[in-house]
mmCIF file of all heavy atoms, coordinates in Angstrom:
data_MODEL
# 
_entry.id   MODEL 
# 
loop_
_atom_site.group_PDB 
_atom_site.id 
_atom_site.type_symbol 
_atom_site.label_atom_id 
_atom_site.label_alt_id 
_atom_site.label_comp_id 
_atom_site.label_asym_id 
_atom_site.label_entity_id 
_atom_site.label_seq_id 
_atom_site.pdbx_PDB_ins_code 
_atom_site.Cartn_x 
_atom_site.Cartn_y 
_atom_site.Cartn_z 
_atom_site.occupancy 
_atom_site.B_iso_or_equiv 
_atom_site.pdbx_formal_charge 
_atom_site.auth_seq_id 
_atom_site.auth_comp_id 
_atom_site.auth_asym_id 
_atom_site.auth_atom_id 
_atom_site.pdbx_PDB_model_num 
ATOM 1   N N   . ASP A 1 1  ? 119.845 114.866 82.096 1.00 0.00 ? 1  ASP A N   1 
ATOM 2   C CA  . ASP A 1 1  ? 119.139 115.053 80.825 1.00 0.00 ? 1  ASP A CA  1 
ATOM 3   C C   . ASP A 1 1  ? 118.083 113.947 80.723 1.00 0.00 ? 1  ASP A C   1 
ATOM 4   O O   . ASP A 1 1  ? 118.409 112.768 80.679 1.00 0.00 ? 1  ASP A O   1 
ATOM 5   C CB  . ASP A 1 1  ? 120.137 114.955 79.682 1.00 0.00 ? 1  ASP A CB  1 
ATOM 6   C CG  . ASP A 1 1  ? 119.496 115.103 78.302 1.00 0.00 ? 1  ASP A CG  1 
ATOM 7   O OD1 . ASP A 1 1  ? 118.261 114.991 78.191 1.00 0.00 ? 1  ASP A OD1 1 
ATOM 8   O OD2 . ASP A 1 1  ? 120.237 115.294 77.330 1.00 0.00 ? 1  ASP A OD2 1 
ATOM 9   N N   . VAL A 1 2  ? 116.814 114.352 80.725 1.00 0.00 ? 2  VAL A N   1 
ATOM 10  C CA  . VAL A 1 2  ? 115.723 113.369 80.657 1.00 0.00 ? 2  VAL A CA  1 
ATOM 11  C C   . VAL A 1 2  ? 114.941 113.534 79.356 1.00 0.00 ? 2  VAL A C   1 
ATOM 12  O O   . VAL A 1 2  ? 113.754 113.205 79.287 1.00 0.00 ? 2  VAL A O   1 
ATOM 13  C CB  . VAL A 1 2  ? 114.786 113.470 81.884 1.00 0.00 ? 2  VAL A CB  1 
ATOM 14  C CG1 . VAL A 1 2  ? 115.510 113.022 83.145 1.00 0.00 ? 2  VAL A CG1 1 
ATOM 15  C CG2 . VAL A 1 2  ? 114.235 114.896 82.051 1.00 0.00 ? 2  VAL A CG2 1 
ATOM 16  N N   . SER A 1 3  ? 115.605 114.032 78.321 1.00 0.00 ? 3  SER A N   1 
ATOM 17  C CA  . SER A 1 3  ? 114.926 114.255 77.041 1.00 0.00 ? 3  SER A CA  1 
ATOM 18  C C   . SER A 1 3  ? 114.441 112.951 76.421 1.00 0.00 ? 3  SER A C   1 
ATOM 19  O O   . SER A 1 3  ? 113.521 112.969 75.582 1.00 0.00 ? 3  SER A O   1 
ATOM 20  C CB  . SER A 1 3  ? 115.848 114.988 76.061 1.00 0.00 ? 3  SER A CB  1 
ATOM 21  O OG  . SER A 1 3  ? 117.054 114.269 75.855 1.00 0.00 ? 3  SER A OG  1 
ATOM 22  N N   . ASP A 1 4  ? 115.049 111.825 76.819 1.00 0.00 ? 4  ASP A N   1 
ATOM 23  C CA  . ASP A 1 4  ? 114.574 110.534 76.330 1.00 0.00 ? 4  ASP A CA  1 
ATOM 24  C C   . ASP A 1 4  ? 113.337 110.054 77.077 1.00 0.00 ? 4  ASP A C   1 
ATOM 25  O O   . ASP A 1 4  ? 112.703 109.073 76.679 1.00 0.00 ? 4  ASP A O   1 
ATOM 26  C CB  . ASP A 1 4  ? 115.680 109.477 76.455 1.00 0.00 ? 4  ASP A CB  1 
ATOM 27  C CG  . ASP A 1 4  ? 116.196 109.320 77.879 1.00 0.00 ? 4  ASP A CG  1 
ATOM 28  O OD1 . ASP A 1 4  ? 116.200 110.329 78.630 1.00 0.00 ? 4  ASP A OD1 1 
ATOM 29  O OD2 . ASP A 1 4  ? 116.600 108.205 78.248 1.00 0.00 ? 4  ASP A OD2 1 
ATOM 30  N N   . LEU A 1 5  ? 112.973 110.786 78.147 1.00 0.00 ? 5  LEU A N   1 
ATOM 31  C CA  . LEU A 1 5  ? 111.848 110.382 78.989 1.00 0.00 ? 5  LEU A CA  1 
ATOM 32  C C   . LEU A 1 5  ? 110.683 111.362 78.939 1.00 0.00 ? 5  LEU A C   1 
ATOM 33  O O   . LEU A 1 5  ? 109.533 110.965 79.120 1.00 0.00 ? 5  LEU A O   1 
ATOM 34  C CB  . LEU A 1 5  ? 112.307 110.233 80.449 1.00 0.00 ? 5  LEU A CB  1 
ATOM 35  C CG  . LEU A 1 5  ? 113.466 109.261 80.696 1.00 0.00 ? 5  LEU A CG  1 
ATOM 36  C CD1 . LEU A 1 5  ? 113.955 109.378 82.140 1.00 0.00 ? 5  LEU A CD1 1 
ATOM 37  C CD2 . LEU A 1 5  ? 113.031 107.833 80.396 1.00 0.00 ? 5  LEU A CD2 1 
ATOM 38  N N   . THR A 1 6  ? 110.967 112.647 78.716 1.00 0.00 ? 6  THR A N   1 
ATOM 39  C CA  . THR A 1 6  ? 109.912 113.656 78.739 1.00 0.00 ? 6  THR A CA  1 
ATOM 40  C C   . THR A 1 6  ? 110.386 114.926 78.056 1.00 0.00 ? 6  THR A C   1 
ATOM 41  O O   . THR A 1 6  ? 111.588 115.170 77.935 1.00 0.00 ? 6  THR A O   1 
ATOM 42  C CB  . THR A 1 6  ? 109.507 113.988 80.192 1.00 0.00 ? 6  THR A CB  1 
ATOM 43  O OG1 . THR A 1 6  ? 108.382 114.875 80.194 1.00 0.00 ? 6  THR A OG1 1 
ATOM 44  C CG2 . THR A 1 6  ? 110.654 114.666 80.931 1.00 0.00 ? 6  THR A CG2 1 
ATOM 45  N N   . GLN A 1 7  ? 109.424 115.735 77.616 1.00 0.00 ? 7  GLN A N   1 
ATOM 46  C CA  . GLN A 1 7  ? 109.685 117.091 77.160 1.00 0.00 ? 7  GLN A CA  1 
ATOM 47  C C   . GLN A 1 7  ? 108.963 118.094 78.063 1.00 0.00 ? 7  GLN A C   1 
ATOM 48  O O   . GLN A 1 7  ? 108.839 119.274 77.722 1.00 0.00 ? 7  GLN A O   1 
ATOM 49  C CB  . GLN A 1 7  ? 109.246 117.266 75.705 1.00 0.00 ? 7  GLN A CB  1 
ATOM 50  C CG  . GLN A 1 7  ? 110.131 116.523 74.719 1.00 0.00 ? 7  GLN A CG  1 
ATOM 51  C CD  . GLN A 1 7  ? 111.564 117.019 74.735 1.00 0.00 ? 7  GLN A CD  1 
ATOM 52  O OE1 . GLN A 1 7  ? 111.816 118.223 74.635 1.00 0.00 ? 7  GLN A OE1 1 
ATOM 53  N NE2 . GLN A 1 7  ? 112.527 116.093 74.875 1.00 0.00 ? 7  GLN A NE2 1 
ATOM 54  N N   . ASP A 1 8  ? 108.497 117.619 79.228 1.00 0.00 ? 8  ASP A N   1 
ATOM 55  C CA  . ASP A 1 8  ? 107.806 118.472 80.192 1.00 0.00 ? 8  ASP A CA  1 
ATOM 56  C C   . ASP A 1 8  ? 108.302 118.108 81.587 1.00 0.00 ? 8  ASP A C   1 
ATOM 57  O O   . ASP A 1 8  ? 107.698 117.311 82.296 1.00 0.00 ? 8  ASP A O   1 
ATOM 58  C CB  . ASP A 1 8  ? 106.288 118.270 80.089 1.00 0.00 ? 8  ASP A CB  1 
ATOM 59  C CG  . ASP A 1 8  ? 105.497 119.263 80.937 1.00 0.00 ? 8  ASP A CG  1 
ATOM 60  O OD1 . ASP A 1 8  ? 106.090 119.897 81.835 1.00 0.00 ? 8  ASP A OD1 1 
ATOM 61  O OD2 . ASP A 1 8  ? 104.273 119.374 80.720 1.00 0.00 ? 8  ASP A OD2 1 
ATOM 62  N N   . SER A 1 9  ? 109.441 118.693 81.955 1.00 0.00 ? 9  SER A N   1 
ATOM 63  C CA  . SER A 1 9  ? 110.069 118.311 83.221 1.00 0.00 ? 9  SER A CA  1 
ATOM 64  C C   . SER A 1 9  ? 109.203 118.659 84.424 1.00 0.00 ? 9  SER A C   1 
ATOM 65  O O   . SER A 1 9  ? 109.250 117.963 85.441 1.00 0.00 ? 9  SER A O   1 
ATOM 66  C CB  . SER A 1 9  ? 111.436 118.987 83.344 1.00 0.00 ? 9  SER A CB  1 
ATOM 67  O OG  . SER A 1 9  ? 111.332 120.398 83.326 1.00 0.00 ? 9  SER A OG  1 
ATOM 68  N N   . ARG A 1 10 ? 108.398 119.707 84.300 1.00 0.00 ? 10 ARG A N   1 
ATOM 69  C CA  . ARG A 1 10 ? 107.564 120.091 85.446 1.00 0.00 ? 10 ARG A CA  1 
ATOM 70  C C   . ARG A 1 10 ? 106.484 119.036 85.686 1.00 0.00 ? 10 ARG A C   1 
ATOM 71  O O   . ARG A 1 10 ? 106.253 118.624 86.832 1.00 0.00 ? 10 ARG A O   1 
ATOM 72  C CB  . ARG A 1 10 ? 106.946 121.462 85.202 1.00 0.00 ? 10 ARG A CB  1 
ATOM 73  C CG  . ARG A 1 10 ? 106.411 122.112 86.460 1.00 0.00 ? 10 ARG A CG  1 
ATOM 74  C CD  . ARG A 1 10 ? 106.240 123.603 86.319 1.00 0.00 ? 10 ARG A CD  1 
ATOM 75  N NE  . ARG A 1 10 ? 105.942 124.219 87.591 1.00 0.00 ? 10 ARG A NE  1 
ATOM 76  C CZ  . ARG A 1 10 ? 105.888 125.522 87.797 1.00 0.00 ? 10 ARG A CZ  1 
ATOM 77  N NH1 . ARG A 1 10 ? 106.130 126.353 86.798 1.00 0.00 ? 10 ARG A NH1 1 
ATOM 78  N NH2 . ARG A 1 10 ? 105.608 126.013 88.989 1.00 0.00 ? 10 ARG A NH2 1 
ATOM 79  N N   . ALA A 1 11 ? 105.836 118.582 84.635 1.00 0.00 ? 11 ALA A N   1 
ATOM 80  C CA  . ALA A 1 11 ? 104.825 117.538 84.774 1.00 0.00 ? 11 ALA A CA  1 
ATOM 81  C C   . ALA A 1 11 ? 105.456 116.218 85.218 1.00 0.00 ? 11 ALA A C   1 
ATOM 82  O O   . ALA A 1 11 ? 104.895 115.481 86.030 1.00 0.00 ? 11 ALA A O   1 
ATOM 83  C CB  . ALA A 1 11 ? 104.070 117.353 83.458 1.00 0.00 ? 11 ALA A CB  1 
ATOM 84  N N   . PHE A 1 12 ? 106.637 115.933 84.687 1.00 0.00 ? 12 PHE A N   1 
ATOM 85  C CA  . PHE A 1 12 ? 107.345 114.706 85.046 1.00 0.00 ? 12 PHE A CA  1 
ATOM 86  C C   . PHE A 1 12 ? 107.709 114.711 86.531 1.00 0.00 ? 12 PHE A C   1 
ATOM 87  O O   . PHE A 1 12 ? 107.522 113.708 87.243 1.00 0.00 ? 12 PHE A O   1 
ATOM 88  C CB  . PHE A 1 12 ? 108.592 114.571 84.180 1.00 0.00 ? 12 PHE A CB  1 
ATOM 89  C CG  . PHE A 1 12 ? 109.257 113.226 84.233 1.00 0.00 ? 12 PHE A CG  1 
ATOM 90  C CD1 . PHE A 1 12 ? 108.531 112.052 84.306 1.00 0.00 ? 12 PHE A CD1 1 
ATOM 91  C CD2 . PHE A 1 12 ? 110.640 113.133 84.189 1.00 0.00 ? 12 PHE A CD2 1 
ATOM 92  C CE1 . PHE A 1 12 ? 109.150 110.805 84.334 1.00 0.00 ? 12 PHE A CE1 1 
ATOM 93  C CE2 . PHE A 1 12 ? 111.274 111.901 84.215 1.00 0.00 ? 12 PHE A CE2 1 
ATOM 94  C CZ  . PHE A 1 12 ? 110.521 110.737 84.291 1.00 0.00 ? 12 PHE A CZ  1 
ATOM 95  N N   . ALA A 1 13 ? 108.203 115.855 87.026 1.00 0.00 ? 13 ALA A N   1 
ATOM 96  C CA  . ALA A 1 13 ? 108.527 115.969 88.449 1.00 0.00 ? 13 ALA A CA  1 
ATOM 97  C C   . ALA A 1 13 ? 107.280 115.816 89.315 1.00 0.00 ? 13 ALA A C   1 
ATOM 98  O O   . ALA A 1 13 ? 107.323 115.198 90.389 1.00 0.00 ? 13 ALA A O   1 
ATOM 99  C CB  . ALA A 1 13 ? 109.204 117.309 88.719 1.00 0.00 ? 13 ALA A CB  1 
ATOM 100 N N   . ALA A 1 14 ? 106.164 116.363 88.848 1.00 0.00 ? 14 ALA A N   1 
ATOM 101 C CA  . ALA A 1 14 ? 104.906 116.231 89.593 1.00 0.00 ? 14 ALA A CA  1 
ATOM 102 C C   . ALA A 1 14 ? 104.465 114.772 89.657 1.00 0.00 ? 14 ALA A C   1 
ATOM 103 O O   . ALA A 1 14 ? 103.975 114.300 90.693 1.00 0.00 ? 14 ALA A O   1 
ATOM 104 C CB  . ALA A 1 14 ? 103.825 117.096 88.959 1.00 0.00 ? 14 ALA A CB  1 
ATOM 105 N N   . ASP A 1 15 ? 104.634 114.030 88.559 1.00 0.00 ? 15 ASP A N   1 
ATOM 106 C CA  . ASP A 1 15 ? 104.295 112.609 88.554 1.00 0.00 ? 15 ASP A CA  1 
ATOM 107 C C   . ASP A 1 15 ? 105.184 111.825 89.523 1.00 0.00 ? 15 ASP A C   1 
ATOM 108 O O   . ASP A 1 15 ? 104.704 110.937 90.245 1.00 0.00 ? 15 ASP A O   1 
ATOM 109 C CB  . ASP A 1 15 ? 104.445 112.030 87.145 1.00 0.00 ? 15 ASP A CB  1 
ATOM 110 C CG  . ASP A 1 15 ? 103.374 112.516 86.185 1.00 0.00 ? 15 ASP A CG  1 
ATOM 111 O OD1 . ASP A 1 15 ? 102.349 113.045 86.663 1.00 0.00 ? 15 ASP A OD1 1 
ATOM 112 O OD2 . ASP A 1 15 ? 103.568 112.377 84.962 1.00 0.00 ? 15 ASP A OD2 1 
ATOM 113 N N   . ILE A 1 16 ? 106.483 112.142 89.526 1.00 0.00 ? 16 ILE A N   1 
ATOM 114 C CA  . ILE A 1 16 ? 107.401 111.451 90.429 1.00 0.00 ? 16 ILE A CA  1 
ATOM 115 C C   . ILE A 1 16 ? 107.013 111.708 91.881 1.00 0.00 ? 16 ILE A C   1 
ATOM 116 O O   . ILE A 1 16 ? 107.004 110.790 92.719 1.00 0.00 ? 16 ILE A O   1 
ATOM 117 C CB  . ILE A 1 16 ? 108.854 111.904 90.160 1.00 0.00 ? 16 ILE A CB  1 
ATOM 118 C CG1 . ILE A 1 16 ? 109.311 111.434 88.780 1.00 0.00 ? 16 ILE A CG1 1 
ATOM 119 C CG2 . ILE A 1 16 ? 109.806 111.371 91.232 1.00 0.00 ? 16 ILE A CG2 1 
ATOM 120 C CD1 . ILE A 1 16 ? 110.662 111.996 88.353 1.00 0.00 ? 16 ILE A CD1 1 
ATOM 121 N N   . LEU A 1 17 ? 106.653 112.938 92.179 1.00 0.00 ? 17 LEU A N   1 
ATOM 122 C CA  . LEU A 1 17 ? 106.247 113.267 93.548 1.00 0.00 ? 17 LEU A CA  1 
ATOM 123 C C   . LEU A 1 17 ? 104.977 112.516 93.927 1.00 0.00 ? 17 LEU A C   1 
ATOM 124 O O   . LEU A 1 17 ? 104.898 111.890 94.998 1.00 0.00 ? 17 LEU A O   1 
ATOM 125 C CB  . LEU A 1 17 ? 106.027 114.774 93.684 1.00 0.00 ? 17 LEU A CB  1 
ATOM 126 C CG  . LEU A 1 17 ? 105.484 115.252 95.043 1.00 0.00 ? 17 LEU A CG  1 
ATOM 127 C CD1 . LEU A 1 17 ? 106.443 114.896 96.171 1.00 0.00 ? 17 LEU A CD1 1 
ATOM 128 C CD2 . LEU A 1 17 ? 105.234 116.762 95.011 1.00 0.00 ? 17 LEU A CD2 1 
ATOM 129 N N   . GLN A 1 18 ? 103.972 112.556 93.068 1.00 0.00 ? 18 GLN A N   1 
ATOM 130 C CA  . GLN A 1 18 ? 102.688 111.964 93.401 1.00 0.00 ? 18 GLN A CA  1 
ATOM 131 C C   . GLN A 1 18 ? 102.757 110.434 93.463 1.00 0.00 ? 18 GLN A C   1 
ATOM 132 O O   . GLN A 1 18 ? 102.196 109.809 94.371 1.00 0.00 ? 18 GLN A O   1 
ATOM 133 C CB  . GLN A 1 18 ? 101.630 112.392 92.377 1.00 0.00 ? 18 GLN A CB  1 
ATOM 134 C CG  . GLN A 1 18 ? 100.210 112.015 92.760 1.00 0.00 ? 18 GLN A CG  1 
ATOM 135 C CD  . GLN A 1 18 ? 99.758  112.670 94.052 1.00 0.00 ? 18 GLN A CD  1 
ATOM 136 O OE1 . GLN A 1 18 ? 99.989  113.852 94.286 1.00 0.00 ? 18 GLN A OE1 1 
ATOM 137 N NE2 . GLN A 1 18 ? 99.131  111.898 94.945 1.00 0.00 ? 18 GLN A NE2 1 
ATOM 138 N N   . GLU A 1 19 ? 103.454 109.840 92.531 1.00 0.00 ? 19 GLU A N   1 
ATOM 139 C CA  . GLU A 1 19 ? 103.450 108.382 92.428 1.00 0.00 ? 19 GLU A CA  1 
ATOM 140 C C   . GLU A 1 19 ? 104.543 107.717 93.257 1.00 0.00 ? 19 GLU A C   1 
ATOM 141 O O   . GLU A 1 19 ? 104.335 106.635 93.813 1.00 0.00 ? 19 GLU A O   1 
ATOM 142 C CB  . GLU A 1 19 ? 103.581 107.958 90.962 1.00 0.00 ? 19 GLU A CB  1 
ATOM 143 C CG  . GLU A 1 19 ? 102.412 108.422 90.092 1.00 0.00 ? 19 GLU A CG  1 
ATOM 144 C CD  . GLU A 1 19 ? 102.570 107.988 88.645 1.00 0.00 ? 19 GLU A CD  1 
ATOM 145 O OE1 . GLU A 1 19 ? 103.194 106.924 88.411 1.00 0.00 ? 19 GLU A OE1 1 
ATOM 146 O OE2 . GLU A 1 19 ? 102.077 108.698 87.757 1.00 0.00 ? 19 GLU A OE2 1 
ATOM 147 N N   . ALA A 1 20 ? 105.719 108.361 93.344 1.00 0.00 ? 20 ALA A N   1 
ATOM 148 C CA  . ALA A 1 20 ? 106.836 107.748 94.058 1.00 0.00 ? 20 ALA A CA  1 
ATOM 149 C C   . ALA A 1 20 ? 107.084 108.378 95.422 1.00 0.00 ? 20 ALA A C   1 
ATOM 150 O O   . ALA A 1 20 ? 107.806 107.805 96.239 1.00 0.00 ? 20 ALA A O   1 
ATOM 151 C CB  . ALA A 1 20 ? 108.107 107.846 93.209 1.00 0.00 ? 20 ALA A CB  1 
ATOM 152 N N   . GLY A 1 21 ? 106.504 109.548 95.641 1.00 0.00 ? 21 GLY A N   1 
ATOM 153 C CA  . GLY A 1 21 ? 106.768 110.223 96.905 1.00 0.00 ? 21 GLY A CA  1 
ATOM 154 C C   . GLY A 1 21 ? 108.193 110.746 97.002 1.00 0.00 ? 21 GLY A C   1 
ATOM 155 O O   . GLY A 1 21 ? 108.760 110.838 98.088 1.00 0.00 ? 21 GLY A O   1 
ATOM 156 N N   . VAL A 1 22 ? 108.789 111.106 95.859 1.00 0.00 ? 22 VAL A N   1 
ATOM 157 C CA  . VAL A 1 22 ? 110.131 111.686 95.817 1.00 0.00 ? 22 VAL A CA  1 
ATOM 158 C C   . VAL A 1 22 ? 110.022 113.070 95.168 1.00 0.00 ? 22 VAL A C   1 
ATOM 159 O O   . VAL A 1 22 ? 109.503 113.192 94.053 1.00 0.00 ? 22 VAL A O   1 
ATOM 160 C CB  . VAL A 1 22 ? 111.115 110.809 95.026 1.00 0.00 ? 22 VAL A CB  1 
ATOM 161 C CG1 . VAL A 1 22 ? 112.499 111.466 94.979 1.00 0.00 ? 22 VAL A CG1 1 
ATOM 162 C CG2 . VAL A 1 22 ? 111.212 109.415 95.638 1.00 0.00 ? 22 VAL A CG2 1 
ATOM 163 N N   . ALA A 1 23 ? 110.487 114.081 95.874 1.00 0.00 ? 23 ALA A N   1 
ATOM 164 C CA  . ALA A 1 23 ? 110.443 115.446 95.349 1.00 0.00 ? 23 ALA A CA  1 
ATOM 165 C C   . ALA A 1 23 ? 111.746 115.753 94.622 1.00 0.00 ? 23 ALA A C   1 
ATOM 166 O O   . ALA A 1 23 ? 112.832 115.617 95.199 1.00 0.00 ? 23 ALA A O   1 
ATOM 167 C CB  . ALA A 1 23 ? 110.227 116.441 96.480 1.00 0.00 ? 23 ALA A CB  1 
ATOM 168 N N   . VAL A 1 24 ? 111.650 116.128 93.342 1.00 0.00 ? 24 VAL A N   1 
ATOM 169 C CA  . VAL A 1 24 ? 112.809 116.523 92.538 1.00 0.00 ? 24 VAL A CA  1 
ATOM 170 C C   . VAL A 1 24 ? 112.472 117.846 91.852 1.00 0.00 ? 24 VAL A C   1 
ATOM 171 O O   . VAL A 1 24 ? 111.307 118.245 91.773 1.00 0.00 ? 24 VAL A O   1 
ATOM 172 C CB  . VAL A 1 24 ? 113.179 115.446 91.494 1.00 0.00 ? 24 VAL A CB  1 
ATOM 173 C CG1 . VAL A 1 24 ? 113.490 114.122 92.181 1.00 0.00 ? 24 VAL A CG1 1 
ATOM 174 C CG2 . VAL A 1 24 ? 112.074 115.257 90.472 1.00 0.00 ? 24 VAL A CG2 1 
ATOM 175 N N   . THR A 1 25 ? 113.497 118.510 91.335 1.00 0.00 ? 25 THR A N   1 
ATOM 176 C CA  . THR A 1 25 ? 113.294 119.852 90.788 1.00 0.00 ? 25 THR A CA  1 
ATOM 177 C C   . THR A 1 25 ? 113.332 119.847 89.268 1.00 0.00 ? 25 THR A C   1 
ATOM 178 O O   . THR A 1 25 ? 114.293 119.353 88.678 1.00 0.00 ? 25 THR A O   1 
ATOM 179 C CB  . THR A 1 25 ? 114.376 120.814 91.297 1.00 0.00 ? 25 THR A CB  1 
ATOM 180 O OG1 . THR A 1 25 ? 114.415 120.757 92.721 1.00 0.00 ? 25 THR A OG1 1 
ATOM 181 C CG2 . THR A 1 25 ? 114.079 122.237 90.874 1.00 0.00 ? 25 THR A CG2 1 
ATOM 182 N N   . PRO A 1 26 ? 112.313 120.407 88.610 1.00 0.00 ? 26 PRO A N   1 
ATOM 183 C CA  . PRO A 1 26 ? 112.349 120.523 87.146 1.00 0.00 ? 26 PRO A CA  1 
ATOM 184 C C   . PRO A 1 26 ? 113.466 121.443 86.691 1.00 0.00 ? 26 PRO A C   1 
ATOM 185 O O   . PRO A 1 26 ? 113.757 122.462 87.328 1.00 0.00 ? 26 PRO A O   1 
ATOM 186 C CB  . PRO A 1 26 ? 110.981 121.127 86.806 1.00 0.00 ? 26 PRO A CB  1 
ATOM 187 C CG  . PRO A 1 26 ? 110.145 120.972 88.030 1.00 0.00 ? 26 PRO A CG  1 
ATOM 188 C CD  . PRO A 1 26 ? 111.073 120.948 89.188 1.00 0.00 ? 26 PRO A CD  1 
# 
């Protein structure tokens, strides 16, 4: 549950991929 971090899991996952190089699933 990442509701304390974002309300847009798809955008958040894209940021993690681009900035951290870790692929996760929304």
